Amino acid sequence: TLLAFLSVPRFSSFARGAAVIILSDAL
């Protein structure tokens, strides 16, 4: 799902230069 987020150029641009916080247990 994170790769899918990065594969969409408009979504990927949201992360550029941003403070990115992932709320997950990462399991």
PDB file of all heavy atoms in Angstrom:
ATOM      1  N   THR A   1       0.825  -1.211   0.000  1.00  0.00           N
ATOM      2  CA  THR A   1       0.000   0.000   0.000  1.00  0.00           C
ATOM      3  C   THR A   1       0.859   1.261   0.000  1.00  0.00           C
ATOM      4  O   THR A   1       0.515   2.250  -0.647  1.00  0.00           O
ATOM      5  CB  THR A   1      -0.955   0.015   1.211  1.00  0.00           C
ATOM      6  OG1 THR A   1      -0.228  -0.256   2.416  1.00  0.00           O
ATOM      7  CG2 THR A   1      -2.056  -1.009   1.048  1.00  0.00           C
ATOM      8  N   LEU A   2       1.982   1.247   0.710  1.00  0.00           N
ATOM      9  CA  LEU A   2       2.876   2.408   0.672  1.00  0.00           C
ATOM     10  C   LEU A   2       3.508   2.561  -0.710  1.00  0.00           C
ATOM     11  O   LEU A   2       3.697   3.686  -1.194  1.00  0.00           O
ATOM     12  CB  LEU A   2       3.952   2.284   1.747  1.00  0.00           C
ATOM     13  CG  LEU A   2       3.475   2.409   3.199  1.00  0.00           C
ATOM     14  CD1 LEU A   2       4.652   2.283   4.163  1.00  0.00           C
ATOM     15  CD2 LEU A   2       2.746   3.729   3.431  1.00  0.00           C
ATOM     16  N   LEU A   3       3.832   1.454  -1.362  1.00  0.00           N
ATOM     17  CA  LEU A   3       4.345   1.539  -2.730  1.00  0.00           C
ATOM     18  C   LEU A   3       3.277   2.054  -3.685  1.00  0.00           C
ATOM     19  O   LEU A   3       3.573   2.808  -4.623  1.00  0.00           O
ATOM     20  CB  LEU A   3       4.848   0.167  -3.189  1.00  0.00           C
ATOM     21  CG  LEU A   3       6.194  -0.285  -2.622  1.00  0.00           C
ATOM     22  CD1 LEU A   3       6.511  -1.707  -3.075  1.00  0.00           C
ATOM     23  CD2 LEU A   3       7.312   0.660  -3.023  1.00  0.00           C
ATOM     24  N   ALA A   4       2.018   1.654  -3.451  1.00  0.00           N
ATOM     25  CA  ALA A   4       0.925   2.176  -4.269  1.00  0.00           C
ATOM     26  C   ALA A   4       0.790   3.684  -4.073  1.00  0.00           C
ATOM     27  O   ALA A   4       0.543   4.433  -5.029  1.00  0.00           O
ATOM     28  CB  ALA A   4      -0.377   1.467  -3.908  1.00  0.00           C
ATOM     29  N   PHE A   5       0.950   4.148  -2.829  1.00  0.00           N
ATOM     30  CA  PHE A   5       0.923   5.582  -2.555  1.00  0.00           C
ATOM     31  C   PHE A   5       2.017   6.304  -3.354  1.00  0.00           C
ATOM     32  O   PHE A   5       1.774   7.346  -3.976  1.00  0.00           O
ATOM     33  CB  PHE A   5       1.130   5.814  -1.052  1.00  0.00           C
ATOM     34  CG  PHE A   5       1.361   7.247  -0.664  1.00  0.00           C
ATOM     35  CD1 PHE A   5       0.294   8.101  -0.450  1.00  0.00           C
ATOM     36  CD2 PHE A   5       2.650   7.743  -0.515  1.00  0.00           C
ATOM     37  CE1 PHE A   5       0.509   9.430  -0.096  1.00  0.00           C
ATOM     38  CE2 PHE A   5       2.874   9.060  -0.153  1.00  0.00           C
ATOM     39  CZ  PHE A   5       1.798   9.899   0.046  1.00  0.00           C
ATOM     40  N   LEU A   6       3.220   5.748  -3.354  1.00  0.00           N
ATOM     41  CA  LEU A   6       4.338   6.383  -4.044  1.00  0.00           C
ATOM     42  C   LEU A   6       4.223   6.276  -5.558  1.00  0.00           C
ATOM     43  O   LEU A   6       4.844   7.060  -6.283  1.00  0.00           O
ATOM     44  CB  LEU A   6       5.655   5.747  -3.583  1.00  0.00           C
ATOM     45  CG  LEU A   6       6.054   6.044  -2.133  1.00  0.00           C
ATOM     46  CD1 LEU A   6       7.159   5.102  -1.681  1.00  0.00           C
ATOM     47  CD2 LEU A   6       6.485   7.490  -1.974  1.00  0.00           C
ATOM     48  N   SER A   7       3.441   5.316  -6.057  1.00  0.00           N
ATOM     49  CA  SER A   7       3.320   5.133  -7.503  1.00  0.00           C
ATOM     50  C   SER A   7       2.418   6.172  -8.151  1.00  0.00           C
ATOM     51  O   SER A   7       2.444   6.332  -9.370  1.00  0.00           O
ATOM     52  CB  SER A   7       2.782   3.731  -7.802  1.00  0.00           C
ATOM     53  OG  SER A   7       1.403   3.623  -7.457  1.00  0.00           O
ATOM     54  N   VAL A   8       1.600   6.878  -7.368  1.00  0.00           N
ATOM     55  CA  VAL A   8       0.726   7.923  -7.902  1.00  0.00           C
ATOM     56  C   VAL A   8       1.450   9.258  -7.755  1.00  0.00           C
ATOM     57  O   VAL A   8       1.694   9.706  -6.634  1.00  0.00           O
ATOM     58  CB  VAL A   8      -0.621   7.955  -7.159  1.00  0.00           C
ATOM     59  CG1 VAL A   8      -1.527   9.037  -7.739  1.00  0.00           C
ATOM     60  CG2 VAL A   8      -1.312   6.596  -7.235  1.00  0.00           C
ATOM     61  N   PRO A   9       1.837   9.909  -8.845  1.00  0.00           N
ATOM     62  CA  PRO A   9       2.649  11.126  -8.736  1.00  0.00           C
ATOM     63  C   PRO A   9       2.036  12.207  -7.846  1.00  0.00           C
ATOM     64  O   PRO A   9       2.752  12.867  -7.102  1.00  0.00           O
ATOM     65  CB  PRO A   9       2.752  11.598 -10.198  1.00  0.00           C
ATOM     66  CG  PRO A   9       2.611  10.349 -11.007  1.00  0.00           C
ATOM     67  CD  PRO A   9       1.633   9.494 -10.248  1.00  0.00           C
ATOM     68  N   ARG A  10       0.715  12.383  -7.908  1.00  0.00           N
ATOM     69  CA  ARG A  10       0.082  13.423  -7.093  1.00  0.00           C
ATOM     70  C   ARG A  10       0.205  13.094  -5.610  1.00  0.00           C
ATOM     71  O   ARG A  10       0.456  13.972  -4.781  1.00  0.00           O
ATOM     72  CB  ARG A  10      -1.390  13.573  -7.472  1.00  0.00           C
ATOM     73  CG  ARG A  10      -2.076  14.761  -6.794  1.00  0.00           C
ATOM     74  CD  ARG A  10      -3.399  15.041  -7.467  1.00  0.00           C
ATOM     75  NE  ARG A  10      -4.352  13.985  -7.216  1.00  0.00           N
ATOM     76  CZ  ARG A  10      -5.226  14.002  -6.204  1.00  0.00           C
ATOM     77  NH1 ARG A  10      -5.234  15.010  -5.365  1.00  0.00           N
ATOM     78  NH2 ARG A  10      -6.075  13.020  -6.040  1.00  0.00           N
ATOM     79  N   PHE A  11       0.045  11.831  -5.240  1.00  0.00           N
ATOM     80  CA  PHE A  11       0.200  11.436  -3.849  1.00  0.00           C
ATOM     81  C   PHE A  11       1.652  11.556  -3.405  1.00  0.00           C
ATOM     82  O   PHE A  11       1.950  12.034  -2.306  1.00  0.00           O
ATOM     83  CB  PHE A  11      -0.280  10.000  -3.642  1.00  0.00           C
ATOM     84  CG  PHE A  11      -1.769   9.808  -3.818  1.00  0.00           C
ATOM     85  CD1 PHE A  11      -2.325   8.540  -3.797  1.00  0.00           C
ATOM     86  CD2 PHE A  11      -2.617  10.897  -3.994  1.00  0.00           C
ATOM     87  CE1 PHE A  11      -3.689   8.350  -3.949  1.00  0.00           C
ATOM     88  CE2 PHE A  11      -3.983  10.719  -4.152  1.00  0.00           C
ATOM     89  CZ  PHE A  11      -4.517   9.441  -4.131  1.00  0.00           C
ATOM     90  N   SER A  12       2.550  11.111  -4.257  1.00  0.00           N
ATOM     91  CA  SER A  12       3.968  11.172  -3.920  1.00  0.00           C
ATOM     92  C   SER A  12       4.419  12.601  -3.673  1.00  0.00           C
ATOM     93  O   SER A  12       5.274  12.863  -2.817  1.00  0.00           O
ATOM     94  CB  SER A  12       4.789  10.543  -5.047  1.00  0.00           C
ATOM     95  OG  SER A  12       6.160  10.583  -4.760  1.00  0.00           O
ATOM     96  N   SER A  13       3.822  13.549  -4.388  1.00  0.00           N
ATOM     97  CA  SER A  13       4.196  14.955  -4.193  1.00  0.00           C
ATOM     98  C   SER A  13       3.791  15.470  -2.813  1.00  0.00           C
ATOM     99  O   SER A  13       4.390  16.415  -2.299  1.00  0.00           O
ATOM    100  CB  SER A  13       3.559  15.834  -5.276  1.00  0.00           C
ATOM    101  OG  SER A  13       2.145  15.883  -5.131  1.00  0.00           O
ATOM    102  N   PHE A  14       2.764  14.852  -2.206  1.00  0.00           N
ATOM    103  CA  PHE A  14       2.367  15.264  -0.856  1.00  0.00           C
ATOM    104  C   PHE A  14       3.485  15.003   0.150  1.00  0.00           C
ATOM    105  O   PHE A  14       3.594  15.699   1.161  1.00  0.00           O
ATOM    106  CB  PHE A  14       1.116  14.503  -0.403  1.00  0.00           C
ATOM    107  CG  PHE A  14      -0.130  14.828  -1.189  1.00  0.00           C
ATOM    108  CD1 PHE A  14      -1.130  13.887  -1.361  1.00  0.00           C
ATOM    109  CD2 PHE A  14      -0.302  16.081  -1.758  1.00  0.00           C
ATOM    110  CE1 PHE A  14      -2.279  14.185  -2.075  1.00  0.00           C
ATOM    111  CE2 PHE A  14      -1.446  16.386  -2.483  1.00  0.00           C
ATOM    112  CZ  PHE A  14      -2.433  15.437  -2.640  1.00  0.00           C
ATOM    113  N   ALA A  15       4.304  13.985  -0.105  1.00  0.00           N
ATOM    114  CA  ALA A  15       5.364  13.615   0.834  1.00  0.00           C
ATOM    115  C   ALA A  15       6.625  14.441   0.651  1.00  0.00           C
ATOM    116  O   ALA A  15       7.472  14.476   1.544  1.00  0.00           O
ATOM    117  CB  ALA A  15       5.703  12.135   0.685  1.00  0.00           C
ATOM    118  N   ARG A  16       6.772  15.111  -0.483  1.00  0.00           N
ATOM    119  CA  ARG A  16       8.018  15.821  -0.774  1.00  0.00           C
ATOM    120  C   ARG A  16       8.188  17.023   0.159  1.00  0.00           C
ATOM    121  O   ARG A  16       7.378  17.939   0.182  1.00  0.00           O
ATOM    122  CB  ARG A  16       8.053  16.269  -2.235  1.00  0.00           C
ATOM    123  CG  ARG A  16       9.379  16.866  -2.673  1.00  0.00           C
ATOM    124  CD  ARG A  16       9.428  17.097  -4.169  1.00  0.00           C
ATOM    125  NE  ARG A  16       9.414  15.838  -4.902  1.00  0.00           N
ATOM    126  CZ  ARG A  16       8.408  15.440  -5.667  1.00  0.00           C
ATOM    127  NH1 ARG A  16       7.329  16.200  -5.790  1.00  0.00           N
ATOM    128  NH2 ARG A  16       8.459  14.289  -6.291  1.00  0.00           N
ATOM    129  N   GLY A  17       9.223  16.987   0.979  1.00  0.00           N
ATOM    130  CA  GLY A  17       9.498  18.081   1.908  1.00  0.00           C
ATOM    131  C   GLY A  17       8.552  18.153   3.084  1.00  0.00           C
ATOM    132  O   GLY A  17       8.543  19.141   3.814  1.00  0.00           O
ATOM    133  N   ALA A  18       7.765  17.102   3.320  1.00  0.00           N
ATOM    134  CA  ALA A  18       6.747  17.120   4.374  1.00  0.00           C
ATOM    135  C   ALA A  18       7.226  16.385   5.616  1.00  0.00           C
ATOM    136  O   ALA A  18       8.168  15.594   5.579  1.00  0.00           O
ATOM    137  CB  ALA A  18       5.457  16.484   3.859  1.00  0.00           C
ATOM    138  N   ALA A  19       6.544  16.657   6.721  1.00  0.00           N
ATOM    139  CA  ALA A  19       6.698  15.848   7.927  1.00  0.00           C
ATOM    140  C   ALA A  19       5.719  14.682   7.803  1.00  0.00           C
ATOM    141  O   ALA A  19       4.504  14.875   7.870  1.00  0.00           O
ATOM    142  CB  ALA A  19       6.397  16.681   9.167  1.00  0.00           C
ATOM    143  N   VAL A  20       6.241  13.486   7.593  1.00  0.00           N
ATOM    144  CA  VAL A  20       5.422  12.299   7.332  1.00  0.00           C
ATOM    145  C   VAL A  20       5.385  11.439   8.595  1.00  0.00           C
ATOM    146  O   VAL A  20       6.430  11.067   9.133  1.00  0.00           O
ATOM    147  CB  VAL A  20       5.988  11.475   6.157  1.00  0.00           C
ATOM    148  CG1 VAL A  20       5.121  10.250   5.897  1.00  0.00           C
ATOM    149  CG2 VAL A  20       6.096  12.337   4.910  1.00  0.00           C
ATOM    150  N   ILE A  21       4.164  11.135   9.057  1.00  0.00           N
ATOM    151  CA  ILE A  21       3.993  10.307  10.250  1.00  0.00           C
ATOM    152  C   ILE A  21       3.134   9.112   9.881  1.00  0.00           C
ATOM    153  O   ILE A  21       2.003   9.262   9.412  1.00  0.00           O
ATOM    154  CB  ILE A  21       3.339  11.094  11.397  1.00  0.00           C
ATOM    155  CG1 ILE A  21       4.163  12.345  11.732  1.00  0.00           C
ATOM    156  CG2 ILE A  21       3.191  10.217  12.640  1.00  0.00           C
ATOM    157  CD1 ILE A  21       3.533  13.225  12.786  1.00  0.00           C
ATOM    158  N   ILE A  22       3.668   7.912  10.092  1.00  0.00           N
ATOM    159  CA  ILE A  22       2.930   6.675   9.854  1.00  0.00           C
ATOM    160  C   ILE A  22       2.449   6.152  11.205  1.00  0.00           C
ATOM    161  O   ILE A  22       3.250   5.908  12.111  1.00  0.00           O
ATOM    162  CB  ILE A  22       3.812   5.626   9.162  1.00  0.00           C
ATOM    163  CG1 ILE A  22       4.342   6.177   7.834  1.00  0.00           C
ATOM    164  CG2 ILE A  22       3.038   4.335   8.930  1.00  0.00           C
ATOM    165  CD1 ILE A  22       5.328   5.256   7.149  1.00  0.00           C
ATOM    166  N   LEU A  23       1.139   6.004  11.341  1.00  0.00           N
ATOM    167  CA  LEU A  23       0.536   5.521  12.583  1.00  0.00           C
ATOM    168  C   LEU A  23       0.205   4.046  12.393  1.00  0.00           C
ATOM    169  O   LEU A  23      -0.838   3.693  11.848  1.00  0.00           O
ATOM    170  CB  LEU A  23      -0.715   6.330  12.919  1.00  0.00           C
ATOM    171  CG  LEU A  23      -0.495   7.849  13.047  1.00  0.00           C
ATOM    172  CD1 LEU A  23      -1.815   8.585  13.088  1.00  0.00           C
ATOM    173  CD2 LEU A  23       0.319   8.172  14.275  1.00  0.00           C
ATOM    174  N   SER A  24       1.107   3.174  12.836  1.00  0.00           N
ATOM    175  CA  SER A  24       0.947   1.738  12.583  1.00  0.00           C
ATOM    176  C   SER A  24       1.831   0.948  13.532  1.00  0.00           C
ATOM    177  O   SER A  24       2.834   1.462  14.033  1.00  0.00           O
ATOM    178  CB  SER A  24       1.329   1.416  11.132  1.00  0.00           C
ATOM    179  OG  SER A  24       1.347   0.027  10.901  1.00  0.00           O
ATOM    180  N   ASP A  25       1.457  -0.325  13.751  1.00  0.00           N
ATOM    181  CA  ASP A  25       2.329  -1.204  14.534  1.00  0.00           C
ATOM    182  C   ASP A  25       3.433  -1.802  13.681  1.00  0.00           C
ATOM    183  O   ASP A  25       4.351  -2.449  14.202  1.00  0.00           O
ATOM    184  CB  ASP A  25       1.521  -2.314  15.214  1.00  0.00           C
ATOM    185  CG  ASP A  25       0.613  -3.058  14.234  1.00  0.00           C
ATOM    186  OD1 ASP A  25       0.837  -2.942  13.012  1.00  0.00           O
ATOM    187  OD2 ASP A  25      -0.307  -3.753  14.694  1.00  0.00           O
ATOM    188  N   ALA A  26       3.355  -1.614  12.353  1.00  0.00           N
ATOM    189  CA  ALA A  26       4.386  -2.085  11.411  1.00  0.00           C
ATOM    190  C   ALA A  26       4.626  -3.586  11.521  1.00  0.00           C
ATOM    191  O   ALA A  26       5.740  -4.055  11.337  1.00  0.00           O
ATOM    192  CB  ALA A  26       5.690  -1.326  11.609  1.00  0.00           C
ATOM    193  N   LEU A  27       3.574  -4.347  11.809  1.00  0.00           N
ATOM    194  CA  LEU A  27       3.694  -5.806  11.880  1.00  0.00           C
ATOM    195  C   LEU A  27       3.400  -6.376  10.498  1.00  0.00           C
ATOM    196  O   LEU A  27       2.284  -6.781  10.186  1.00  0.00           O
ATOM    197  CB  LEU A  27       2.731  -6.368  12.924  1.00  0.00           C
ATOM    198  CG  LEU A  27       3.034  -5.959  14.369  1.00  0.00           C
ATOM    199  CD1 LEU A  27       1.962  -6.477  15.307  1.00  0.00           C
ATOM    200  CD2 LEU A  27       4.409  -6.466  14.795  1.00  0.00           C
TER     201      LEU A  27
END
